[in-house]
Each structure stands twice: as C-alpha cells, then as structure tokens.
Amino acid sequence: MDVEDEIRQLRRRIGDLEGAVDLLNGQMSCLHPDLVKLNDLAVKNFDAIDVTLERFMKRLDSMNSQVWGLRDDLPQLVGEAVRKALPGLPRRN
C-alpha cells in the first residue's frame, strides 16, 4: 500500500464529508427561521384555544349552577302548574 495514496483517499473522503456537512448546514439555516415562525404560530393558536376553553368552562359553570337552581325550584314550579290546571287541589306551604 502506498501511504501517499491512502492520504489522498482520506483527504477526498474528508472533503466529501465536509461538503455534505456544508450542504446540511445550509439547509438547516434556511429551515431554522421557518421553524421559529411555526413555533410562534403554534403558541399563538394554543393561546387562542386556551382563551376559548376558559370562556367555555365559565359558560359550563354558569349552566351547572342554573341546572342545580332549577332542580331546587322544579317541585314548586310543577306544583303551581298542576294547581292552576286543577283548581280544586289543596295548596301546600
């Protein structure tokens, strides 16, 4: 084996590797700003979703309290409606 030939082959292989690394580095530098924009857009969208979910949860809480209030008032409402429909029934306190 010729040492000089091996050195040339190693230099060529190193050059090929450096070229591949430079190519990937260039592609990554072009990709990085797009990834930053995508990240910012995703954060913005998730923040909007969080706001919407908070409003939705407040509405559900309001509906929950209204349903429980209806549960408490329903016997009285039904009793009054039945008494109006059947006037001869006695009234309870």
PDB file of N, CA and C in Angstrom:
ATOM      1  N   MET A   1       0.835  -1.183   0.000  1.00  0.00           N
ATOM      2  CA  MET A   1       0.000   0.000   0.000  1.00  0.00           C
ATOM      3  C   MET A   1       0.874   1.240   0.000  1.00  0.00           C
ATOM      4  N   ASP A   2       0.381   2.180  -0.742  1.00  0.00           N
ATOM      5  CA  ASP A   2       1.103   3.438  -0.853  1.00  0.00           C
ATOM      6  C   ASP A   2       0.510   4.412   0.162  1.00  0.00           C
ATOM      7  N   VAL A   3       1.346   4.943   1.043  1.00  0.00           N
ATOM      8  CA  VAL A   3       0.899   5.856   2.091  1.00  0.00           C
ATOM      9  C   VAL A   3       0.340   7.140   1.477  1.00  0.00           C
ATOM     10  N   GLU A   4       0.983   7.632   0.453  1.00  0.00           N
ATOM     11  CA  GLU A   4       0.507   8.864  -0.187  1.00  0.00           C
ATOM     12  C   GLU A   4      -0.864   8.653  -0.821  1.00  0.00           C
ATOM     13  N   ASP A   5      -1.095   7.487  -1.394  1.00  0.00           N
ATOM     14  CA  ASP A   5      -2.387   7.180  -1.990  1.00  0.00           C
ATOM     15  C   ASP A   5      -3.476   7.114  -0.903  1.00  0.00           C
ATOM     16  N   GLU A   6      -3.158   6.520   0.213  1.00  0.00           N
ATOM     17  CA  GLU A   6      -4.107   6.454   1.331  1.00  0.00           C
ATOM     18  C   GLU A   6      -4.419   7.854   1.851  1.00  0.00           C
ATOM     19  N   ILE A   7      -3.414   8.703   1.929  1.00  0.00           N
ATOM     20  CA  ILE A   7      -3.624  10.083   2.391  1.00  0.00           C
ATOM     21  C   ILE A   7      -4.541  10.817   1.417  1.00  0.00           C
ATOM     22  N   ARG A   8      -4.340  10.641   0.127  1.00  0.00           N
ATOM     23  CA  ARG A   8      -5.207  11.273  -0.873  1.00  0.00           C
ATOM     24  C   ARG A   8      -6.646  10.784  -0.741  1.00  0.00           C
ATOM     25  N   GLN A   9      -6.807   9.471  -0.554  1.00  0.00           N
ATOM     26  CA  GLN A   9      -8.154   8.918  -0.388  1.00  0.00           C
ATOM     27  C   GLN A   9      -8.825   9.484   0.877  1.00  0.00           C
ATOM     28  N   LEU A  10      -8.053   9.566   1.959  1.00  0.00           N
ATOM     29  CA  LEU A  10      -8.602  10.125   3.190  1.00  0.00           C
ATOM     30  C   LEU A  10      -8.988  11.599   3.010  1.00  0.00           C
ATOM     31  N   ARG A  11      -8.154  12.355   2.323  1.00  0.00           N
ATOM     32  CA  ARG A  11      -8.462  13.772   2.068  1.00  0.00           C
ATOM     33  C   ARG A  11      -9.722  13.897   1.204  1.00  0.00           C
ATOM     34  N   ARG A  12      -9.855  13.025   0.211  1.00  0.00           N
ATOM     35  CA  ARG A  12     -11.028  13.059  -0.638  1.00  0.00           C
ATOM     36  C   ARG A  12     -12.285  12.730   0.170  1.00  0.00           C
ATOM     37  N   ARG A  13     -12.195  11.721   1.009  1.00  0.00           N
ATOM     38  CA  ARG A  13     -13.339  11.333   1.832  1.00  0.00           C
ATOM     39  C   ARG A  13     -13.699  12.443   2.826  1.00  0.00           C
ATOM     40  N   ILE A  14     -12.677  13.084   3.387  1.00  0.00           N
ATOM     41  CA  ILE A  14     -12.919  14.205   4.300  1.00  0.00           C
ATOM     42  C   ILE A  14     -13.580  15.355   3.546  1.00  0.00           C
ATOM     43  N   GLY A  15     -13.105  15.610   2.339  1.00  0.00           N
ATOM     44  CA  GLY A  15     -13.717  16.658   1.515  1.00  0.00           C
ATOM     45  C   GLY A  15     -15.181  16.353   1.216  1.00  0.00           C
ATOM     46  N   ASP A  16     -15.472  15.075   0.906  1.00  0.00           N
ATOM     47  CA  ASP A  16     -16.860  14.674   0.660  1.00  0.00           C
ATOM     48  C   ASP A  16     -17.722  14.893   1.903  1.00  0.00           C
ATOM     49  N   LEU A  17     -17.170  14.515   3.059  1.00  0.00           N
ATOM     50  CA  LEU A  17     -17.913  14.702   4.312  1.00  0.00           C
ATOM     51  C   LEU A  17     -18.123  16.181   4.619  1.00  0.00           C
ATOM     52  N   GLU A  18     -17.092  16.995   4.392  1.00  0.00           N
ATOM     53  CA  GLU A  18     -17.236  18.435   4.633  1.00  0.00           C
ATOM     54  C   GLU A  18     -18.278  19.041   3.707  1.00  0.00           C
ATOM     55  N   GLY A  19     -18.293  18.581   2.459  1.00  0.00           N
ATOM     56  CA  GLY A  19     -19.305  19.071   1.511  1.00  0.00           C
ATOM     57  C   GLY A  19     -20.712  18.710   1.963  1.00  0.00           C
ATOM     58  N   ALA A  20     -20.866  17.472   2.438  1.00  0.00           N
ATOM     59  CA  ALA A  20     -22.193  17.045   2.915  1.00  0.00           C
ATOM     60  C   ALA A  20     -22.607  17.862   4.139  1.00  0.00           C
ATOM     61  N   VAL A  21     -21.673  18.114   5.053  1.00  0.00           N
ATOM     62  CA  VAL A  21     -21.970  18.899   6.256  1.00  0.00           C
ATOM     63  C   VAL A  21     -22.327  20.330   5.862  1.00  0.00           C
ATOM     64  N   ASP A  22     -21.600  20.914   4.931  1.00  0.00           N
ATOM     65  CA  ASP A  22     -21.902  22.278   4.480  1.00  0.00           C
ATOM     66  C   ASP A  22     -23.291  22.344   3.848  1.00  0.00           C
ATOM     67  N   LEU A  23     -23.629  21.329   3.055  1.00  0.00           N
ATOM     68  CA  LEU A  23     -24.953  21.285   2.439  1.00  0.00           C
ATOM     69  C   LEU A  23     -26.045  21.210   3.502  1.00  0.00           C
ATOM     70  N   LEU A  24     -25.876  20.317   4.463  1.00  0.00           N
ATOM     71  CA  LEU A  24     -26.868  20.183   5.532  1.00  0.00           C
ATOM     72  C   LEU A  24     -26.950  21.458   6.369  1.00  0.00           C
ATOM     73  N   ASN A  25     -25.801  22.075   6.622  1.00  0.00           N
ATOM     74  CA  ASN A  25     -25.767  23.312   7.404  1.00  0.00           C
ATOM     75  C   ASN A  25     -26.550  24.416   6.679  1.00  0.00           C
ATOM     76  N   GLY A  26     -26.374  24.508   5.380  1.00  0.00           N
ATOM     77  CA  GLY A  26     -27.118  25.495   4.601  1.00  0.00           C
ATOM     78  C   GLY A  26     -28.606  25.239   4.632  1.00  0.00           C
ATOM     79  N   GLN A  27     -28.987  23.980   4.507  1.00  0.00           N
ATOM     80  CA  GLN A  27     -30.407  23.636   4.548  1.00  0.00           C
ATOM     81  C   GLN A  27     -31.000  23.919   5.925  1.00  0.00           C
ATOM     82  N   MET A  28     -30.247  23.617   6.972  1.00  0.00           N
ATOM     83  CA  MET A  28     -30.742  23.858   8.325  1.00  0.00           C
ATOM     84  C   MET A  28     -30.855  25.350   8.613  1.00  0.00           C
ATOM     85  N   SER A  29     -29.930  26.146   8.105  1.00  0.00           N
ATOM     86  CA  SER A  29     -30.012  27.582   8.342  1.00  0.00           C
ATOM     87  C   SER A  29     -31.219  28.181   7.627  1.00  0.00           C
ATOM     88  N   CYS A  30     -31.615  27.610   6.500  1.00  0.00           N
ATOM     89  CA  CYS A  30     -32.840  28.054   5.819  1.00  0.00           C
ATOM     90  C   CYS A  30     -34.081  27.564   6.557  1.00  0.00           C
ATOM     91  N   LEU A  31     -33.987  26.413   7.176  1.00  0.00           N
ATOM     92  CA  LEU A  31     -35.123  25.816   7.860  1.00  0.00           C
ATOM     93  C   LEU A  31     -35.373  26.468   9.215  1.00  0.00           C
ATOM     94  N   HIS A  32     -34.349  26.945   9.884  1.00  0.00           N
ATOM     95  CA  HIS A  32     -34.483  27.484  11.232  1.00  0.00           C
ATOM     96  C   HIS A  32     -35.488  28.637  11.329  1.00  0.00           C
ATOM     97  N   PRO A  33     -35.447  29.644  10.465  1.00  0.00           N
ATOM     98  CA  PRO A  33     -36.453  30.721  10.576  1.00  0.00           C
ATOM     99  C   PRO A  33     -37.881  30.211  10.380  1.00  0.00           C
ATOM    100  N   ASP A  34     -38.041  29.234   9.496  1.00  0.00           N
ATOM    101  CA  ASP A  34     -39.373  28.670   9.295  1.00  0.00           C
ATOM    102  C   ASP A  34     -39.852  27.939  10.547  1.00  0.00           C
ATOM    103  N   LEU A  35     -38.943  27.245  11.216  1.00  0.00           N
ATOM    104  CA  LEU A  35     -39.313  26.560  12.454  1.00  0.00           C
ATOM    105  C   LEU A  35     -39.674  27.567  13.545  1.00  0.00           C
ATOM    106  N   VAL A  36     -38.955  28.663  13.612  1.00  0.00           N
ATOM    107  CA  VAL A  36     -39.268  29.698  14.602  1.00  0.00           C
ATOM    108  C   VAL A  36     -40.655  30.280  14.323  1.00  0.00           C
ATOM    109  N   LYS A  37     -40.950  30.556  13.045  1.00  0.00           N
ATOM    110  CA  LYS A  37     -42.270  31.075  12.684  1.00  0.00           C
ATOM    111  C   LYS A  37     -43.367  30.068  13.034  1.00  0.00           C
ATOM    112  N   LEU A  38     -43.107  28.795  12.747  1.00  0.00           N
ATOM    113  CA  LEU A  38     -44.087  27.757  13.055  1.00  0.00           C
ATOM    114  C   LEU A  38     -44.321  27.673  14.554  1.00  0.00           C
ATOM    115  N   ASN A  39     -43.261  27.761  15.330  1.00  0.00           N
ATOM    116  CA  ASN A  39     -43.382  27.730  16.783  1.00  0.00           C
ATOM    117  C   ASN A  39     -44.208  28.909  17.274  1.00  0.00           C
ATOM    118  N   ASP A  40     -43.932  30.103  16.773  1.00  0.00           N
ATOM    119  CA  ASP A  40     -44.686  31.290  17.179  1.00  0.00           C
ATOM    120  C   ASP A  40     -46.165  31.152  16.811  1.00  0.00           C
ATOM    121  N   LEU A  41     -46.434  30.642  15.624  1.00  0.00           N
ATOM    122  CA  LEU A  41     -47.812  30.450  15.188  1.00  0.00           C
ATOM    123  C   LEU A  41     -48.530  29.420  16.072  1.00  0.00           C
ATOM    124  N   ALA A  42     -47.837  28.340  16.400  1.00  0.00           N
ATOM    125  CA  ALA A  42     -48.436  27.310  17.253  1.00  0.00           C
ATOM    126  C   ALA A  42     -48.734  27.868  18.638  1.00  0.00           C
ATOM    127  N   VAL A  43     -47.814  28.642  19.197  1.00  0.00           N
ATOM    128  CA  VAL A  43     -48.033  29.233  20.515  1.00  0.00           C
ATOM    129  C   VAL A  43     -49.227  30.186  20.472  1.00  0.00           C
ATOM    130  N   LYS A  44     -49.309  30.984  19.425  1.00  0.00           N
ATOM    131  CA  LYS A  44     -50.426  31.930  19.272  1.00  0.00           C
ATOM    132  C   LYS A  44     -51.752  31.181  19.178  1.00  0.00           C
ATOM    133  N   ASN A  45     -51.780  30.115  18.391  1.00  0.00           N
ATOM    134  CA  ASN A  45     -53.012  29.338  18.231  1.00  0.00           C
ATOM    135  C   ASN A  45     -53.419  28.651  19.536  1.00  0.00           C
ATOM    136  N   PHE A  46     -52.446  28.102  20.256  1.00  0.00           N
ATOM    137  CA  PHE A  46     -52.770  27.452  21.525  1.00  0.00           C
ATOM    138  C   PHE A  46     -53.246  28.470  22.558  1.00  0.00           C
ATOM    139  N   ASP A  47     -52.693  29.681  22.532  1.00  0.00           N
ATOM    140  CA  ASP A  47     -53.175  30.723  23.435  1.00  0.00           C
ATOM    141  C   ASP A  47     -54.627  31.071  23.122  1.00  0.00           C
ATOM    142  N   ALA A  48     -54.958  31.164  21.843  1.00  0.00           N
ATOM    143  CA  ALA A  48     -56.343  31.452  21.451  1.00  0.00           C
ATOM    144  C   ALA A  48     -57.268  30.317  21.887  1.00  0.00           C
ATOM    145  N   ILE A  49     -56.805  29.093  21.759  1.00  0.00           N
ATOM    146  CA  ILE A  49     -57.607  27.944  22.192  1.00  0.00           C
ATOM    147  C   ILE A  49     -57.807  27.984  23.702  1.00  0.00           C
ATOM    148  N   ASP A  50     -56.771  28.353  24.448  1.00  0.00           N
ATOM    149  CA  ASP A  50     -56.895  28.460  25.902  1.00  0.00           C
ATOM    150  C   ASP A  50     -57.949  29.488  26.295  1.00  0.00           C
ATOM    151  N   VAL A  51     -57.952  30.634  25.619  1.00  0.00           N
ATOM    152  CA  VAL A  51     -58.949  31.674  25.915  1.00  0.00           C
ATOM    153  C   VAL A  51     -60.357  31.151  25.627  1.00  0.00           C
ATOM    154  N   THR A  52     -60.514  30.480  24.503  1.00  0.00           N
ATOM    155  CA  THR A  52     -61.822  29.937  24.137  1.00  0.00           C
ATOM    156  C   THR A  52     -62.275  28.887  25.143  1.00  0.00           C
ATOM    157  N   LEU A  53     -61.363  28.022  25.564  1.00  0.00           N
ATOM    158  CA  LEU A  53     -61.723  26.990  26.540  1.00  0.00           C
ATOM    159  C   LEU A  53     -62.077  27.604  27.889  1.00  0.00           C
ATOM    160  N   GLU A  54     -61.399  28.672  28.284  1.00  0.00           N
ATOM    161  CA  GLU A  54     -61.740  29.335  29.538  1.00  0.00           C
ATOM    162  C   GLU A  54     -63.160  29.897  29.479  1.00  0.00           C
ATOM    163  N   ARG A  55     -63.513  30.541  28.349  1.00  0.00           N
ATOM    164  CA  ARG A  55     -64.880  31.062  28.194  1.00  0.00           C
ATOM    165  C   ARG A  55     -65.891  29.920  28.223  1.00  0.00           C
ATOM    166  N   PHE A  56     -65.554  28.823  27.568  1.00  0.00           N
ATOM    167  CA  PHE A  56     -66.447  27.667  27.535  1.00  0.00           C
ATOM    168  C   PHE A  56     -66.647  27.103  28.942  1.00  0.00           C
ATOM    169  N   MET A  57     -65.573  27.009  29.719  1.00  0.00           N
ATOM    170  CA  MET A  57     -65.671  26.488  31.080  1.00  0.00           C
ATOM    171  C   MET A  57     -66.525  27.405  31.955  1.00  0.00           C
ATOM    172  N   LYS A  58     -66.397  28.723  31.765  1.00  0.00           N
ATOM    173  CA  LYS A  58     -67.231  29.659  32.536  1.00  0.00           C
ATOM    174  C   LYS A  58     -68.702  29.459  32.190  1.00  0.00           C
ATOM    175  N   ARG A  59     -68.985  29.267  30.900  1.00  0.00           N
ATOM    176  CA  ARG A  59     -70.377  29.032  30.490  1.00  0.00           C
ATOM    177  C   ARG A  59     -70.903  27.723  31.072  1.00  0.00           C
ATOM    178  N   LEU A  60     -70.064  26.682  31.077  1.00  0.00           N
ATOM    179  CA  LEU A  60     -70.494  25.410  31.665  1.00  0.00           C
ATOM    180  C   LEU A  60     -70.761  25.559  33.156  1.00  0.00           C
ATOM    181  N   ASP A  61     -69.918  26.313  33.850  1.00  0.00           N
ATOM    182  CA  ASP A  61     -70.145  26.551  35.279  1.00  0.00           C
ATOM    183  C   ASP A  61     -71.463  27.280  35.501  1.00  0.00           C
ATOM    184  N   SER A  62     -71.734  28.273  34.660  1.00  0.00           N
ATOM    185  CA  SER A  62     -72.991  29.020  34.764  1.00  0.00           C
ATOM    186  C   SER A  62     -74.180  28.103  34.517  1.00  0.00           C
ATOM    187  N   MET A  63     -74.083  27.275  33.490  1.00  0.00           N
ATOM    188  CA  MET A  63     -75.172  26.342  33.186  1.00  0.00           C
ATOM    189  C   MET A  63     -75.358  25.347  34.328  1.00  0.00           C
ATOM    190  N   ASN A  64     -74.263  24.898  34.909  1.00  0.00           N
ATOM    191  CA  ASN A  64     -74.330  23.947  36.011  1.00  0.00           C
ATOM    192  C   ASN A  64     -75.084  24.557  37.190  1.00  0.00           C
ATOM    193  N   SER A  65     -74.751  25.802  37.540  1.00  0.00           N
ATOM    194  CA  SER A  65     -75.444  26.436  38.662  1.00  0.00           C
ATOM    195  C   SER A  65     -76.919  26.667  38.330  1.00  0.00           C
ATOM    196  N   GLN A  66     -77.226  26.985  37.069  1.00  0.00           N
ATOM    197  CA  GLN A  66     -78.628  27.174  36.684  1.00  0.00           C
ATOM    198  C   GLN A  66     -79.405  25.864  36.747  1.00  0.00           C
ATOM    199  N   VAL A  67     -78.778  24.770  36.341  1.00  0.00           N
ATOM    200  CA  VAL A  67     -79.450  23.463  36.404  1.00  0.00           C
ATOM    201  C   VAL A  67     -79.711  23.079  37.846  1.00  0.00           C
ATOM    202  N   TRP A  68     -78.728  23.313  38.726  1.00  0.00           N
ATOM    203  CA  TRP A  68     -78.943  22.989  40.139  1.00  0.00           C
ATOM    204  C   TRP A  68     -80.021  23.882  40.734  1.00  0.00           C
ATOM    205  N   GLY A  69     -80.091  25.140  40.324  1.00  0.00           N
ATOM    206  CA  GLY A  69     -81.155  26.018  40.790  1.00  0.00           C
ATOM    207  C   GLY A  69     -82.516  25.544  40.300  1.00  0.00           C
ATOM    208  N   LEU A  70     -82.576  25.088  39.067  1.00  0.00           N
ATOM    209  CA  LEU A  70     -83.821  24.547  38.524  1.00  0.00           C
ATOM    210  C   LEU A  70     -84.239  23.297  39.286  1.00  0.00           C
ATOM    211  N   ARG A  71     -83.272  22.481  39.647  1.00  0.00           N
ATOM    212  CA  ARG A  71     -83.573  21.268  40.415  1.00  0.00           C
ATOM    213  C   ARG A  71     -84.233  21.632  41.743  1.00  0.00           C
ATOM    214  N   ASP A  72     -83.756  22.707  42.355  1.00  0.00           N
ATOM    215  CA  ASP A  72     -84.336  23.127  43.625  1.00  0.00           C
ATOM    216  C   ASP A  72     -85.723  23.745  43.435  1.00  0.00           C
ATOM    217  N   ASP A  73     -85.938  24.474  42.346  1.00  0.00           N
ATOM    218  CA  ASP A  73     -87.202  25.178  42.115  1.00  0.00           C
ATOM    219  C   ASP A  73     -88.249  24.338  41.391  1.00  0.00           C
ATOM    220  N   LEU A  74     -87.846  23.247  40.763  1.00  0.00           N
ATOM    221  CA  LEU A  74     -88.762  22.469  39.925  1.00  0.00           C
ATOM    222  C   LEU A  74     -89.979  21.932  40.670  1.00  0.00           C
ATOM    223  N   PRO A  75     -89.852  21.370  41.866  1.00  0.00           N
ATOM    224  CA  PRO A  75     -91.063  20.872  42.541  1.00  0.00           C
ATOM    225  C   PRO A  75     -92.106  21.973  42.757  1.00  0.00           C
ATOM    226  N   GLN A  76     -91.653  23.157  43.137  1.00  0.00           N
ATOM    227  CA  GLN A  76     -92.587  24.261  43.352  1.00  0.00           C
ATOM    228  C   GLN A  76     -93.237  24.685  42.031  1.00  0.00           C
ATOM    229  N   LEU A  77     -92.447  24.768  40.964  1.00  0.00           N
ATOM    230  CA  LEU A  77     -92.991  25.158  39.658  1.00  0.00           C
ATOM    231  C   LEU A  77     -94.016  24.150  39.149  1.00  0.00           C
ATOM    232  N   VAL A  78     -93.709  22.871  39.283  1.00  0.00           N
ATOM    233  CA  VAL A  78     -94.646  21.830  38.830  1.00  0.00           C
ATOM    234  C   VAL A  78     -95.911  21.864  39.682  1.00  0.00           C
ATOM    235  N   GLY A  79     -95.748  22.034  40.993  1.00  0.00           N
ATOM    236  CA  GLY A  79     -96.918  22.098  41.878  1.00  0.00           C
ATOM    237  C   GLY A  79     -97.829  23.253  41.526  1.00  0.00           C
ATOM    238  N   GLU A  80     -97.248  24.406  41.277  1.00  0.00           N
ATOM    239  CA  GLU A  80     -98.061  25.564  40.902  1.00  0.00           C
ATOM    240  C   GLU A  80     -98.775  25.330  39.572  1.00  0.00           C
ATOM    241  N   ALA A  81     -98.080  24.720  38.614  1.00  0.00           N
ATOM    242  CA  ALA A  81     -98.693  24.458  37.314  1.00  0.00           C
ATOM    243  C   ALA A  81     -99.843  23.470  37.452  1.00  0.00           C
ATOM    244  N   VAL A  82     -99.674  22.448  38.274  1.00  0.00           N
ATOM    245  CA  VAL A  82    -100.746  21.462  38.469  1.00  0.00           C
ATOM    246  C   VAL A  82    -101.926  22.111  39.179  1.00  0.00           C
ATOM    247  N   ARG A  83    -101.656  22.953  40.186  1.00  0.00           N
ATOM    248  CA  ARG A  83    -102.741  23.624  40.907  1.00  0.00           C
ATOM    249  C   ARG A  83    -103.520  24.574  39.992  1.00  0.00           C
ATOM    250  N   LYS A  84    -102.807  25.211  39.064  1.00  0.00           N
ATOM    251  CA  LYS A  84    -103.505  26.080  38.108  1.00  0.00           C
ATOM    252  C   LYS A  84    -104.372  25.245  37.161  1.00  0.00           C
ATOM    253  N   ALA A  85    -103.854  24.086  36.778  1.00  0.00           N
ATOM    254  CA  ALA A  85    -104.608  23.232  35.859  1.00  0.00           C
ATOM    255  C   ALA A  85    -105.782  22.563  36.568  1.00  0.00           C
ATOM    256  N   LEU A  86    -105.617  22.211  37.849  1.00  0.00           N
ATOM    257  CA  LEU A  86    -106.655  21.554  38.641  1.00  0.00           C
ATOM    258  C   LEU A  86    -106.937  22.434  39.868  1.00  0.00           C
ATOM    259  N   PRO A  87    -107.812  23.379  39.758  1.00  0.00           N
ATOM    260  CA  PRO A  87    -108.003  24.354  40.825  1.00  0.00           C
ATOM    261  C   PRO A  87    -108.511  23.773  42.141  1.00  0.00           C
ATOM    262  N   GLY A  88    -109.052  22.590  42.182  1.00  0.00           N
ATOM    263  CA  GLY A  88    -109.592  22.032  43.403  1.00  0.00           C
ATOM    264  C   GLY A  88    -108.549  21.431  44.333  1.00  0.00           C
ATOM    265  N   LEU A  89    -107.285  21.334  43.937  1.00  0.00           N
ATOM    266  CA  LEU A  89    -106.254  20.732  44.793  1.00  0.00           C
ATOM    267  C   LEU A  89    -105.888  21.685  45.922  1.00  0.00           C
ATOM    268  N   PRO A  90    -105.610  21.134  47.111  1.00  0.00           N
ATOM    269  CA  PRO A  90    -105.208  21.994  48.231  1.00  0.00           C
ATOM    270  C   PRO A  90    -103.811  22.549  48.015  1.00  0.00           C
ATOM    271  N   ARG A  91    -103.533  23.690  48.577  1.00  0.00           N
ATOM    272  CA  ARG A  91    -102.239  24.357  48.439  1.00  0.00           C
ATOM    273  C   ARG A  91    -101.363  23.986  49.656  1.00  0.00           C
ATOM    274  N   ARG A  92    -100.089  23.616  49.381  1.00  0.00           N
ATOM    275  CA  ARG A  92     -99.149  23.289  50.463  1.00  0.00           C
ATOM    276  C   ARG A  92     -98.172  24.441  50.630  1.00  0.00           C
ATOM    277  N   ASN A  93     -97.688  24.611  51.864  1.00  0.00           N
ATOM    278  CA  ASN A  93     -96.700  25.670  52.131  1.00  0.00           C
ATOM    279  C   ASN A  93     -95.311  25.127  52.115  1.00  0.00           C
TER     280      ASN A  93
END
